[in-house]
Amino acid sequence: MTDGTGWFGFAHAAPGRYLLTVDLPSGVVGVPVSTVVVREGRIAEAPFAPFRPVR
């Protein structure tokens, strides 16, 4: 789950490469998969392309 701005976080994730997926709500399209590399002692960011509402 995320907060109202879409922010989410995990504490104490082991270093490595992770595959992230998001469940898009009905009426929203986009690529719901991204990879992130976690390095010890660093903050990692998960890049997702913008999601768009279907009109």
Protein backbone atom coordinates (compact mmCIF):
# COMPACT_ATOMS: atom_id res chain seq x y z
CA MET A 1 0.00 0.00 0.00
CA THR A 2 1.04 3.60 -0.49
CA ASP A 3 0.19 6.85 1.16
CA GLY A 4 -1.91 9.49 -0.60
CA THR A 5 1.06 10.65 -2.68
CA GLY A 6 2.02 7.17 -3.83
CA TRP A 7 5.01 6.90 -1.49
CA PHE A 8 5.88 3.49 -0.09
CA GLY A 9 8.86 2.04 1.68
CA PHE A 10 10.46 -1.09 3.05
CA ALA A 11 12.91 -1.19 5.94
CA HIS A 12 15.76 -3.65 6.24
CA ALA A 13 15.46 -5.13 2.74
CA ALA A 14 18.42 -7.38 1.95
CA PRO A 15 20.73 -6.11 -0.79
CA GLY A 16 19.84 -7.44 -4.23
CA ARG A 17 17.69 -6.91 -7.31
CA TYR A 18 13.91 -6.88 -6.83
CA LEU A 19 11.00 -7.01 -9.25
CA LEU A 20 8.19 -4.70 -8.17
CA THR A 21 4.62 -4.90 -9.40
CA VAL A 22 1.68 -2.65 -8.65
CA ASP A 23 -2.02 -3.42 -8.87
CA LEU A 24 -3.57 -0.69 -10.99
CA PRO A 25 -7.12 0.35 -10.17
CA SER A 26 -9.84 -0.02 -12.75
CA GLY A 27 -9.66 2.72 -15.36
CA VAL A 28 -5.88 3.25 -15.11
CA VAL A 29 -3.31 2.05 -17.64
CA GLY A 30 0.47 1.87 -17.59
CA VAL A 31 3.37 -0.54 -17.14
CA PRO A 32 2.91 -1.96 -13.64
CA VAL A 33 6.36 -3.62 -13.39
CA SER A 34 9.76 -2.18 -12.48
CA THR A 35 13.07 -3.43 -11.11
CA VAL A 36 15.05 -1.88 -8.28
CA VAL A 37 18.55 -2.59 -7.02
CA VAL A 38 18.97 -2.38 -3.24
CA ARG A 39 22.48 -1.67 -1.99
CA GLU A 40 23.49 -1.96 1.65
CA GLY A 41 23.20 1.32 3.56
CA ARG A 42 21.62 3.21 0.64
CA ILE A 43 18.15 4.40 -0.29
CA ALA A 44 16.83 2.83 -3.50
CA GLU A 45 14.17 4.28 -5.76
CA ALA A 46 11.67 2.36 -7.87
CA PRO A 47 11.17 4.07 -11.23
CA PHE A 48 7.69 3.68 -12.69
CA ALA A 49 6.48 5.39 -15.84
CA PRO A 50 3.46 7.64 -15.26
CA PHE A 51 0.10 5.92 -15.06
CA ARG A 52 -2.80 7.40 -17.02
CA PRO A 53 -6.56 7.31 -16.53
CA VAL A 54 -8.56 5.73 -19.35
CA ARG A 55 -11.00 8.21 -20.86
